[in-house]
Amino acid sequence: MDYQYVLYGVENGIATITLNRPEKLNVLNMMGTKEGVFTDMLDALSEAEDDDDVKVIIIKGAGSSFCAGEDLSQAGFVYGFGTGKKGERRPSERIRLKYDKKFMEDWCRLLYSPKLTIAQGHGYCLGAGTMILNFCDFAIVSEDAELGFIEERIGTVGSANPFVMSLILTVGLKRARDLIFTGRRFDGKEAAAMSLVTKAVPAADLDREVMELAEDLTKLPRDGIAIGKASLELWMNIMGMHTCSVSAAYMSHTLFTNLRWEPDEYNFFKERRDQGLKDSLHGMQDRYVKNPPKYYSKQG
């Protein structure tokens, strides 16, 4: 099958899904939109999962970066957000909940894939890019890759994403709160030190390291992989993963979309409406650049 925004290929039991919108840093389309990198990635994931000859799936990015997040030009509009003019009707809770639930279920497809998954990160691995690294079974990144849950700076503060429980189980509660509440950026070496990724390697070694791991994993039996991944899904759900990543996440996301903004707070949606996407994103980041974090030496 041909895709518009990803490249797909299979060789020796290894499927490779390459996010392929490099001019946009491979940002993912938002839930509720019909086409984009995220939609094609999920469709390619289905193709790999339905192929009994595929044991391992590699997800990587074309161009200078793995994935720089989500297309925030679409955020809110999927519900029917208007221009903010007087008299416009607010989107209903029903439509918000509908799209939010589908969004969380789509993300958990990656978490629960019946095949072994490896994320290969380089360049910007921000927001949704960090989420992909977190949800795959393995994640190998370049040492100079840039990670961070930067989209939390819109104001979600961990309330609007499916990754929170997985992140807590991966890096621990204290570190998870650090990453979510600050939205700070960090490099591949720090990500490996906190076990958010499997390994960080020099950029020149990234392709080789990922392929060597994938080839090692193909030595496992097909049915063993299927049973093992199904069992892992069951164990995670016994610990509450599904409740946290789908049920709680979509309801908390809907609550976030009703956030009341105060005059001294940065309202991304208002600024995007008044100034456009580029200036609104710069404005959000300027709050941190002009007032750099005191606790961390690295500016976000």
C-alpha atoms as a PDB file:
ATOM      1  CA  MET A   1       0.000   0.000   0.000  1.00  0.00           C
ATOM      2  CA  ASP A   2       1.236   3.499  -0.841  1.00  0.00           C
ATOM      3  CA  TYR A   3       1.122   6.285   1.712  1.00  0.00           C
ATOM      4  CA  GLN A   4       1.388  10.037   1.296  1.00  0.00           C
ATOM      5  CA  TYR A   5       3.176  10.878   4.542  1.00  0.00           C
ATOM      6  CA  VAL A   6       5.157   7.757   5.455  1.00  0.00           C
ATOM      7  CA  LEU A   7       7.475   5.375   3.675  1.00  0.00           C
ATOM      8  CA  TYR A   8       6.858   1.669   4.300  1.00  0.00           C
ATOM      9  CA  GLY A   9       8.999  -1.337   3.574  1.00  0.00           C
ATOM     10  CA  VAL A  10       9.553  -4.901   4.780  1.00  0.00           C
ATOM     11  CA  GLU A  11      12.747  -6.940   4.644  1.00  0.00           C
ATOM     12  CA  ASN A  12      13.743 -10.101   6.512  1.00  0.00           C
ATOM     13  CA  GLY A  13      10.900  -9.895   9.015  1.00  0.00           C
ATOM     14  CA  ILE A  14      11.495  -6.197   9.779  1.00  0.00           C
ATOM     15  CA  ALA A  15       8.969  -3.533   8.774  1.00  0.00           C
ATOM     16  CA  THR A  16      10.223   0.046   8.632  1.00  0.00           C
ATOM     17  CA  ILE A  17       7.810   2.965   8.915  1.00  0.00           C
ATOM     18  CA  THR A  18       9.532   6.249   8.060  1.00  0.00           C
ATOM     19  CA  LEU A  19       7.637   9.424   8.937  1.00  0.00           C
ATOM     20  CA  ASN A  20       8.014  11.382   5.727  1.00  0.00           C
ATOM     21  CA  ARG A  21       7.043  15.007   5.943  1.00  0.00           C
ATOM     22  CA  PRO A  22      10.539  16.399   6.551  1.00  0.00           C
ATOM     23  CA  GLU A  23       9.694  19.950   5.462  1.00  0.00           C
ATOM     24  CA  LYS A  24       7.329  20.077   8.483  1.00  0.00           C
ATOM     25  CA  LEU A  25       9.719  18.131  10.766  1.00  0.00           C
ATOM     26  CA  ASN A  26       7.314  15.170  10.569  1.00  0.00           C
ATOM     27  CA  VAL A  27       4.719  16.728  12.876  1.00  0.00           C
ATOM     28  CA  LEU A  28       1.653  14.555  13.437  1.00  0.00           C
ATOM     29  CA  ASN A  29      -1.843  15.522  12.374  1.00  0.00           C
ATOM     30  CA  MET A  30      -4.368  15.950  15.177  1.00  0.00           C
ATOM     31  CA  MET A  31      -7.163  13.527  16.025  1.00  0.00           C
ATOM     32  CA  GLY A  32     -10.301  14.191  14.016  1.00  0.00           C
ATOM     33  CA  THR A  33      -8.386  15.102  10.838  1.00  0.00           C
ATOM     34  CA  LYS A  34      -8.472  12.667   7.959  1.00  0.00           C
ATOM     35  CA  GLU A  35      -4.921  12.744   6.652  1.00  0.00           C
ATOM     36  CA  GLY A  36      -1.392  13.384   7.826  1.00  0.00           C
ATOM     37  CA  VAL A  37       1.637  11.701   9.322  1.00  0.00           C
ATOM     38  CA  PHE A  38      -0.195  10.217  12.333  1.00  0.00           C
ATOM     39  CA  THR A  39      -2.996   8.755  10.193  1.00  0.00           C
ATOM     40  CA  ASP A  40      -0.543   7.173   7.752  1.00  0.00           C
ATOM     41  CA  MET A  41       1.645   5.892  10.589  1.00  0.00           C
ATOM     42  CA  LEU A  42      -1.319   4.075  12.133  1.00  0.00           C
ATOM     43  CA  ASP A  43      -2.378   2.640   8.765  1.00  0.00           C
ATOM     44  CA  ALA A  44       1.171   1.416   8.113  1.00  0.00           C
ATOM     45  CA  LEU A  45       1.227  -0.025  11.641  1.00  0.00           C
ATOM     46  CA  SER A  46      -1.928  -2.003  10.788  1.00  0.00           C
ATOM     47  CA  GLU A  47      -0.314  -3.298   7.601  1.00  0.00           C
ATOM     48  CA  ALA A  48       2.730  -4.506   9.525  1.00  0.00           C
ATOM     49  CA  GLU A  49       0.599  -6.060  12.266  1.00  0.00           C
ATOM     50  CA  ASP A  50      -1.482  -7.983   9.711  1.00  0.00           C
ATOM     51  CA  ASP A  51       1.634  -9.412   8.034  1.00  0.00           C
ATOM     52  CA  ASP A  52       2.595 -12.700   9.701  1.00  0.00           C
ATOM     53  CA  ASP A  53       6.082 -12.443   8.226  1.00  0.00           C
ATOM     54  CA  VAL A  54       6.763  -9.231  10.168  1.00  0.00           C
ATOM     55  CA  LYS A  55       8.189  -9.680  13.648  1.00  0.00           C
ATOM     56  CA  VAL A  56       9.663  -6.241  14.310  1.00  0.00           C
ATOM     57  CA  ILE A  57       8.520  -2.722  13.427  1.00  0.00           C
ATOM     58  CA  ILE A  58      10.971   0.204  13.278  1.00  0.00           C
ATOM     59  CA  ILE A  59       9.563   3.740  13.381  1.00  0.00           C
ATOM     60  CA  LYS A  60      11.965   6.473  12.268  1.00  0.00           C
ATOM     61  CA  GLY A  61      11.861   9.935  10.691  1.00  0.00           C
ATOM     62  CA  ALA A  62      13.031  11.327   7.353  1.00  0.00           C
ATOM     63  CA  GLY A  63      15.102  14.492   7.181  1.00  0.00           C
ATOM     64  CA  SER A  64      16.673  16.402  10.041  1.00  0.00           C
ATOM     65  CA  SER A  65      14.304  15.235  12.784  1.00  0.00           C
ATOM     66  CA  PHE A  66      12.291  12.271  14.002  1.00  0.00           C
ATOM     67  CA  CYS A  67       9.108  14.162  14.940  1.00  0.00           C
ATOM     68  CA  ALA A  68       8.739  17.700  16.295  1.00  0.00           C
ATOM     69  CA  GLY A  69       5.306  17.205  17.846  1.00  0.00           C
ATOM     70  CA  GLU A  70       1.749  17.718  16.633  1.00  0.00           C
ATOM     71  CA  ASP A  71       0.341  20.131  14.094  1.00  0.00           C
ATOM     72  CA  LEU A  72      -0.961  22.774  16.477  1.00  0.00           C
ATOM     73  CA  SER A  73      -2.542  24.687  13.610  1.00  0.00           C
ATOM     74  CA  GLN A  74      -5.276  22.026  13.825  1.00  0.00           C
ATOM     75  CA  ALA A  75      -5.669  21.966  17.613  1.00  0.00           C
ATOM     76  CA  GLY A  76      -9.179  22.842  18.751  1.00  0.00           C
ATOM     77  CA  PHE A  77     -10.602  23.170  15.244  1.00  0.00           C
ATOM     78  CA  VAL A  78     -11.388  19.449  15.154  1.00  0.00           C
ATOM     79  CA  TYR A  79     -14.072  20.161  17.769  1.00  0.00           C
ATOM     80  CA  GLY A  80     -15.483  23.075  15.838  1.00  0.00           C
ATOM     81  CA  PHE A  81     -13.642  25.918  17.565  1.00  0.00           C
ATOM     82  CA  GLY A  82     -14.573  29.154  15.863  1.00  0.00           C
ATOM     83  CA  THR A  83     -12.880  32.493  15.550  1.00  0.00           C
ATOM     84  CA  GLY A  84     -13.884  33.737  18.980  1.00  0.00           C
ATOM     85  CA  LYS A  85     -16.394  36.220  17.619  1.00  0.00           C
ATOM     86  CA  LYS A  86     -19.362  37.190  19.761  1.00  0.00           C
ATOM     87  CA  GLY A  87     -22.332  34.884  19.451  1.00  0.00           C
ATOM     88  CA  GLU A  88     -20.429  31.816  18.281  1.00  0.00           C
ATOM     89  CA  ARG A  89     -21.531  28.564  19.865  1.00  0.00           C
ATOM     90  CA  ARG A  90     -19.006  26.624  21.928  1.00  0.00           C
ATOM     91  CA  PRO A  91     -18.249  23.048  20.824  1.00  0.00           C
ATOM     92  CA  SER A  92     -20.404  20.533  22.678  1.00  0.00           C
ATOM     93  CA  GLU A  93     -19.031  18.215  25.335  1.00  0.00           C
ATOM     94  CA  ARG A  94     -20.244  15.275  23.243  1.00  0.00           C
ATOM     95  CA  ILE A  95     -18.032  16.148  20.288  1.00  0.00           C
ATOM     96  CA  ARG A  96     -15.057  16.895  22.529  1.00  0.00           C
ATOM     97  CA  LEU A  97     -15.378  13.574  24.340  1.00  0.00           C
ATOM     98  CA  LYS A  98     -15.875  11.681  21.071  1.00  0.00           C
ATOM     99  CA  TYR A  99     -12.696  12.985  19.460  1.00  0.00           C
ATOM    100  CA  ASP A 100     -10.656  12.799  22.657  1.00  0.00           C
ATOM    101  CA  LYS A 101     -11.538   9.140  23.252  1.00  0.00           C
ATOM    102  CA  LYS A 102     -10.615   8.222  19.681  1.00  0.00           C
ATOM    103  CA  PHE A 103      -7.333  10.125  20.086  1.00  0.00           C
ATOM    104  CA  MET A 104      -6.335   8.171  23.205  1.00  0.00           C
ATOM    105  CA  GLU A 105      -7.368   4.841  21.674  1.00  0.00           C
ATOM    106  CA  ASP A 106      -5.252   5.571  18.585  1.00  0.00           C
ATOM    107  CA  TRP A 107      -2.180   6.312  20.691  1.00  0.00           C
ATOM    108  CA  CYS A 108      -2.651   3.119  22.698  1.00  0.00           C
ATOM    109  CA  ARG A 109      -2.559   1.119  19.475  1.00  0.00           C
ATOM    110  CA  LEU A 110       1.164   1.846  19.437  1.00  0.00           C
ATOM    111  CA  LEU A 111       1.516   0.925  23.105  1.00  0.00           C
ATOM    112  CA  TYR A 112      -0.286  -2.407  22.576  1.00  0.00           C
ATOM    113  CA  SER A 113       1.062  -3.366  19.146  1.00  0.00           C
ATOM    114  CA  PRO A 114       1.273  -7.170  18.809  1.00  0.00           C
ATOM    115  CA  LYS A 115       4.674  -6.825  17.129  1.00  0.00           C
ATOM    116  CA  LEU A 116       7.955  -5.757  18.727  1.00  0.00           C
ATOM    117  CA  THR A 117       8.441  -2.042  18.144  1.00  0.00           C
ATOM    118  CA  ILE A 118      11.605   0.069  18.006  1.00  0.00           C
ATOM    119  CA  ALA A 119      11.561   3.873  17.811  1.00  0.00           C
ATOM    120  CA  GLN A 120      14.631   5.500  16.266  1.00  0.00           C
ATOM    121  CA  GLY A 121      15.017   9.133  17.314  1.00  0.00           C
ATOM    122  CA  HIS A 122      17.246  11.901  16.000  1.00  0.00           C
ATOM    123  CA  GLY A 123      17.067  15.676  15.841  1.00  0.00           C
ATOM    124  CA  TYR A 124      13.835  16.980  17.310  1.00  0.00           C
ATOM    125  CA  CYS A 125      11.894  14.275  19.165  1.00  0.00           C
ATOM    126  CA  LEU A 126       9.539  16.692  20.863  1.00  0.00           C
ATOM    127  CA  GLY A 127       6.007  16.391  22.230  1.00  0.00           C
ATOM    128  CA  ALA A 128       4.371  13.607  20.254  1.00  0.00           C
ATOM    129  CA  GLY A 129       7.859  12.516  19.149  1.00  0.00           C
ATOM    130  CA  THR A 130       8.797  11.832  22.763  1.00  0.00           C
ATOM    131  CA  MET A 131       5.471  10.017  23.190  1.00  0.00           C
ATOM    132  CA  ILE A 132       6.312   7.618  20.357  1.00  0.00           C
ATOM    133  CA  LEU A 133       9.688   6.900  21.970  1.00  0.00           C
ATOM    134  CA  ASN A 134       7.931   6.240  25.282  1.00  0.00           C
ATOM    135  CA  PHE A 135       5.251   3.945  23.832  1.00  0.00           C
ATOM    136  CA  CYS A 136       7.491   1.694  21.733  1.00  0.00           C
ATOM    137  CA  ASP A 137       9.035  -1.442  23.255  1.00  0.00           C
ATOM    138  CA  PHE A 138      12.522  -0.121  22.533  1.00  0.00           C
ATOM    139  CA  ALA A 139      13.800   3.383  21.801  1.00  0.00           C
ATOM    140  CA  ILE A 140      17.292   4.162  20.548  1.00  0.00           C
ATOM    141  CA  VAL A 141      18.180   7.822  20.009  1.00  0.00           C
ATOM    142  CA  SER A 142      21.191   9.851  19.014  1.00  0.00           C
ATOM    143  CA  GLU A 143      23.023  11.413  21.938  1.00  0.00           C
ATOM    144  CA  ASP A 144      22.290  14.904  20.602  1.00  0.00           C
ATOM    145  CA  ALA A 145      18.587  14.267  19.982  1.00  0.00           C
ATOM    146  CA  GLU A 146      16.291  16.814  21.642  1.00  0.00           C
ATOM    147  CA  LEU A 147      13.369  15.442  23.657  1.00  0.00           C
ATOM    148  CA  GLY A 148      10.716  16.970  25.870  1.00  0.00           C
ATOM    149  CA  PHE A 149       6.981  17.105  26.480  1.00  0.00           C
ATOM    150  CA  ILE A 150       6.923  20.695  25.276  1.00  0.00           C
ATOM    151  CA  GLU A 151       3.245  20.677  24.319  1.00  0.00           C
ATOM    152  CA  GLU A 152       2.424  20.619  28.020  1.00  0.00           C
ATOM    153  CA  ARG A 153       3.368  24.320  27.977  1.00  0.00           C
ATOM    154  CA  ILE A 154       0.111  25.065  26.181  1.00  0.00           C
ATOM    155  CA  GLY A 155      -1.383  24.575  29.621  1.00  0.00           C
ATOM    156  CA  THR A 156      -2.257  20.883  29.804  1.00  0.00           C
ATOM    157  CA  VAL A 157       0.262  20.151  32.607  1.00  0.00           C
ATOM    158  CA  GLY A 158      -0.223  16.402  32.136  1.00  0.00           C
ATOM    159  CA  SER A 159      -4.009  16.550  31.995  1.00  0.00           C
ATOM    160  CA  ALA A 160      -4.502  15.849  28.323  1.00  0.00           C
ATOM    161  CA  ASN A 161      -2.315  12.944  27.250  1.00  0.00           C
ATOM    162  CA  PRO A 162      -2.315   9.140  27.327  1.00  0.00           C
ATOM    163  CA  PHE A 163       1.353   8.755  28.232  1.00  0.00           C
ATOM    164  CA  VAL A 164       1.290   9.774  31.897  1.00  0.00           C
ATOM    165  CA  MET A 165       0.901   6.314  33.469  1.00  0.00           C
ATOM    166  CA  SER A 166       3.437   4.800  31.083  1.00  0.00           C
ATOM    167  CA  LEU A 167       5.884   7.597  31.877  1.00  0.00           C
ATOM    168  CA  ILE A 168       5.480   7.088  35.644  1.00  0.00           C
ATOM    169  CA  LEU A 169       6.150   3.359  35.279  1.00  0.00           C
ATOM    170  CA  THR A 170       9.177   4.104  33.090  1.00  0.00           C
ATOM    171  CA  VAL A 171      11.020   6.905  34.904  1.00  0.00           C
ATOM    172  CA  GLY A 172       9.299   7.031  38.310  1.00  0.00           C
ATOM    173  CA  LEU A 173       6.796   9.456  39.785  1.00  0.00           C
ATOM    174  CA  LYS A 174       9.209  12.270  40.727  1.00  0.00           C
ATOM    175  CA  ARG A 175      10.954  12.357  37.359  1.00  0.00           C
ATOM    176  CA  ALA A 176       7.636  12.072  35.493  1.00  0.00           C
ATOM    177  CA  ARG A 177       6.279  15.100  37.328  1.00  0.00           C
ATOM    178  CA  ASP A 178       9.499  16.969  36.559  1.00  0.00           C
ATOM    179  CA  LEU A 179       9.165  16.332  32.821  1.00  0.00           C
ATOM    180  CA  ILE A 180       5.424  16.998  32.635  1.00  0.00           C
ATOM    181  CA  PHE A 181       5.169  20.073  34.844  1.00  0.00           C
ATOM    182  CA  THR A 182       8.178  21.906  33.395  1.00  0.00           C
ATOM    183  CA  GLY A 183       7.904  20.801  29.748  1.00  0.00           C
ATOM    184  CA  ARG A 184      11.685  21.206  29.649  1.00  0.00           C
ATOM    185  CA  ARG A 185      13.884  19.893  26.857  1.00  0.00           C
ATOM    186  CA  PHE A 186      16.691  17.391  27.368  1.00  0.00           C
ATOM    187  CA  ASP A 187      19.103  15.459  25.195  1.00  0.00           C
ATOM    188  CA  GLY A 188      19.401  11.795  24.334  1.00  0.00           C
ATOM    189  CA  LYS A 189      22.065  11.148  26.959  1.00  0.00           C
ATOM    190  CA  GLU A 190      19.804  12.378  29.763  1.00  0.00           C
ATOM    191  CA  ALA A 191      16.887  10.410  28.328  1.00  0.00           C
ATOM    192  CA  ALA A 192      18.971   7.230  28.512  1.00  0.00           C
ATOM    193  CA  ALA A 193      20.193   8.041  32.026  1.00  0.00           C
ATOM    194  CA  MET A 194      16.590   8.231  33.282  1.00  0.00           C
ATOM    195  CA  SER A 195      15.608   5.090  31.279  1.00  0.00           C
ATOM    196  CA  LEU A 196      13.100   6.982  29.146  1.00  0.00           C
ATOM    197  CA  VAL A 197      14.889   5.465  26.146  1.00  0.00           C
ATOM    198  CA  THR A 198      16.706   2.160  25.842  1.00  0.00           C
ATOM    199  CA  LYS A 199      19.979   3.613  24.635  1.00  0.00           C
ATOM    200  CA  ALA A 200      21.615   6.805  23.348  1.00  0.00           C
ATOM    201  CA  VAL A 201      24.380   6.454  20.764  1.00  0.00           C
ATOM    202  CA  PRO A 202      26.504   8.737  18.580  1.00  0.00           C
ATOM    203  CA  ALA A 203      24.471   9.933  15.590  1.00  0.00           C
ATOM    204  CA  ALA A 204      26.760   8.128  13.160  1.00  0.00           C
ATOM    205  CA  ASP A 205      25.971   4.792  14.844  1.00  0.00           C
ATOM    206  CA  LEU A 206      22.197   5.192  15.090  1.00  0.00           C
ATOM    207  CA  ASP A 207      21.089   3.257  11.989  1.00  0.00           C
ATOM    208  CA  ARG A 208      23.456   0.390  12.710  1.00  0.00           C
ATOM    209  CA  GLU A 209      22.473   0.073  16.383  1.00  0.00           C
ATOM    210  CA  VAL A 210      18.767  -0.002  15.558  1.00  0.00           C
ATOM    211  CA  MET A 211      19.159  -2.562  12.793  1.00  0.00           C
ATOM    212  CA  GLU A 212      21.338  -4.828  14.934  1.00  0.00           C
ATOM    213  CA  LEU A 213      18.677  -4.828  17.651  1.00  0.00           C
ATOM    214  CA  ALA A 214      15.922  -5.506  15.121  1.00  0.00           C
ATOM    215  CA  GLU A 215      17.861  -8.409  13.598  1.00  0.00           C
ATOM    216  CA  ASP A 216      18.450  -9.907  17.050  1.00  0.00           C
ATOM    217  CA  LEU A 217      14.722  -9.689  17.839  1.00  0.00           C
ATOM    218  CA  THR A 218      13.748 -11.506  14.634  1.00  0.00           C
ATOM    219  CA  LYS A 219      15.323 -14.645  16.091  1.00  0.00           C
ATOM    220  CA  LEU A 220      12.298 -14.924  18.391  1.00  0.00           C
ATOM    221  CA  PRO A 221       9.358 -17.085  17.196  1.00  0.00           C
ATOM    222  CA  ARG A 222       6.371 -15.304  15.644  1.00  0.00           C
ATOM    223  CA  ASP A 223       3.836 -16.870  17.971  1.00  0.00           C
ATOM    224  CA  GLY A 224       6.071 -16.271  20.972  1.00  0.00           C
ATOM    225  CA  ILE A 225       6.123 -12.559  20.154  1.00  0.00           C
ATOM    226  CA  ALA A 226       2.331 -12.481  19.718  1.00  0.00           C
ATOM    227  CA  ILE A 227       1.703 -14.283  23.008  1.00  0.00           C
ATOM    228  CA  GLY A 228       4.306 -12.238  24.856  1.00  0.00           C
ATOM    229  CA  LYS A 229       2.893  -8.906  23.646  1.00  0.00           C
ATOM    230  CA  ALA A 230      -0.677  -9.983  24.454  1.00  0.00           C
ATOM    231  CA  SER A 231       0.447 -11.027  27.931  1.00  0.00           C
ATOM    232  CA  LEU A 232       2.243  -7.712  28.417  1.00  0.00           C
ATOM    233  CA  GLU A 233      -0.945  -5.861  27.486  1.00  0.00           C
ATOM    234  CA  LEU A 234      -2.861  -7.882  30.074  1.00  0.00           C
ATOM    235  CA  TRP A 235      -0.272  -7.192  32.794  1.00  0.00           C
ATOM    236  CA  MET A 236      -0.226  -3.475  32.026  1.00  0.00           C
ATOM    237  CA  ASN A 237      -4.006  -3.343  32.143  1.00  0.00           C
ATOM    238  CA  ILE A 238      -4.061  -5.176  35.489  1.00  0.00           C
ATOM    239  CA  MET A 239      -1.935  -2.257  36.723  1.00  0.00           C
ATOM    240  CA  GLY A 240      -4.531   0.161  35.351  1.00  0.00           C
ATOM    241  CA  MET A 241      -2.874   1.165  32.079  1.00  0.00           C
ATOM    242  CA  HIS A 242      -6.031   1.152  29.969  1.00  0.00           C
ATOM    243  CA  THR A 243      -8.037   3.086  32.549  1.00  0.00           C
ATOM    244  CA  CYS A 244      -5.283   5.702  32.840  1.00  0.00           C
ATOM    245  CA  SER A 245      -4.296   5.933  29.167  1.00  0.00           C
ATOM    246  CA  VAL A 246      -7.762   5.916  27.620  1.00  0.00           C
ATOM    247  CA  SER A 247     -10.642   6.458  30.048  1.00  0.00           C
ATOM    248  CA  ALA A 248      -9.003   8.978  32.385  1.00  0.00           C
ATOM    249  CA  ALA A 249      -6.939  10.596  29.632  1.00  0.00           C
ATOM    250  CA  TYR A 250      -9.780  11.435  27.283  1.00  0.00           C
ATOM    251  CA  MET A 251     -11.957  12.870  30.029  1.00  0.00           C
ATOM    252  CA  SER A 252      -9.089  14.969  31.391  1.00  0.00           C
ATOM    253  CA  HIS A 253      -8.317  16.192  27.855  1.00  0.00           C
ATOM    254  CA  THR A 254     -11.908  17.344  27.478  1.00  0.00           C
ATOM    255  CA  LEU A 255     -11.663  19.145  30.812  1.00  0.00           C
ATOM    256  CA  PHE A 256      -8.527  20.902  29.562  1.00  0.00           C
ATOM    257  CA  THR A 257     -10.327  22.180  26.455  1.00  0.00           C
ATOM    258  CA  ASN A 258     -12.653  24.075  28.828  1.00  0.00           C
ATOM    259  CA  LEU A 259      -9.782  25.767  30.655  1.00  0.00           C
ATOM    260  CA  ARG A 260     -10.451  29.338  31.808  1.00  0.00           C
ATOM    261  CA  TRP A 261      -7.528  31.607  31.034  1.00  0.00           C
ATOM    262  CA  GLU A 262      -6.675  34.594  33.209  1.00  0.00           C
ATOM    263  CA  PRO A 263      -5.297  37.912  31.877  1.00  0.00           C
ATOM    264  CA  ASP A 264      -1.777  37.188  33.174  1.00  0.00           C
ATOM    265  CA  GLU A 265      -1.636  33.719  31.581  1.00  0.00           C
ATOM    266  CA  TYR A 266      -0.663  32.806  28.021  1.00  0.00           C
ATOM    267  CA  ASN A 267      -3.694  31.636  26.024  1.00  0.00           C
ATOM    268  CA  PHE A 268      -2.337  29.774  22.999  1.00  0.00           C
ATOM    269  CA  PHE A 269      -5.715  29.499  21.288  1.00  0.00           C
ATOM    270  CA  LYS A 270      -6.415  33.222  21.624  1.00  0.00           C
ATOM    271  CA  GLU A 271      -2.928  34.176  20.457  1.00  0.00           C
ATOM    272  CA  ARG A 272      -3.130  31.774  17.519  1.00  0.00           C
ATOM    273  CA  ARG A 273      -6.417  33.394  16.496  1.00  0.00           C
ATOM    274  CA  ASP A 274      -5.071  36.932  16.825  1.00  0.00           C
ATOM    275  CA  GLN A 275      -1.466  36.508  15.642  1.00  0.00           C
ATOM    276  CA  GLY A 276      -1.310  33.292  13.650  1.00  0.00           C
ATOM    277  CA  LEU A 277       0.364  29.987  14.445  1.00  0.00           C
ATOM    278  CA  LYS A 278       4.025  30.962  14.070  1.00  0.00           C
ATOM    279  CA  ASP A 279       3.869  34.059  16.281  1.00  0.00           C
ATOM    280  CA  SER A 280       1.722  32.320  18.886  1.00  0.00           C
ATOM    281  CA  LEU A 281       4.223  29.467  19.206  1.00  0.00           C
ATOM    282  CA  HIS A 282       7.111  31.919  19.483  1.00  0.00           C
ATOM    283  CA  GLY A 283       5.168  33.853  22.085  1.00  0.00           C
ATOM    284  CA  MET A 284       4.632  30.731  24.157  1.00  0.00           C
ATOM    285  CA  GLN A 285       8.336  29.873  24.035  1.00  0.00           C
ATOM    286  CA  ASP A 286       9.352  33.479  24.751  1.00  0.00           C
ATOM    287  CA  ARG A 287       7.789  33.163  28.191  1.00  0.00           C
ATOM    288  CA  TYR A 288      10.554  30.676  28.979  1.00  0.00           C
ATOM    289  CA  VAL A 289      13.384  32.168  26.934  1.00  0.00           C
ATOM    290  CA  LYS A 290      12.914  35.680  28.363  1.00  0.00           C
ATOM    291  CA  ASN A 291      12.457  34.247  31.839  1.00  0.00           C
ATOM    292  CA  PRO A 292      14.833  31.271  31.747  1.00  0.00           C
ATOM    293  CA  PRO A 293      14.366  28.475  34.289  1.00  0.00           C
ATOM    294  CA  LYS A 294      16.422  29.004  37.400  1.00  0.00           C
ATOM    295  CA  TYR A 295      16.479  25.375  38.490  1.00  0.00           C
ATOM    296  CA  TYR A 296      17.695  23.852  35.235  1.00  0.00           C
ATOM    297  CA  SER A 297      20.700  25.207  33.380  1.00  0.00           C
ATOM    298  CA  LYS A 298      19.314  24.153  29.984  1.00  0.00           C
ATOM    299  CA  GLN A 299      16.714  26.536  28.634  1.00  0.00           C
ATOM    300  CA  GLY A 300      13.591  25.011  27.125  1.00  0.00           C
END
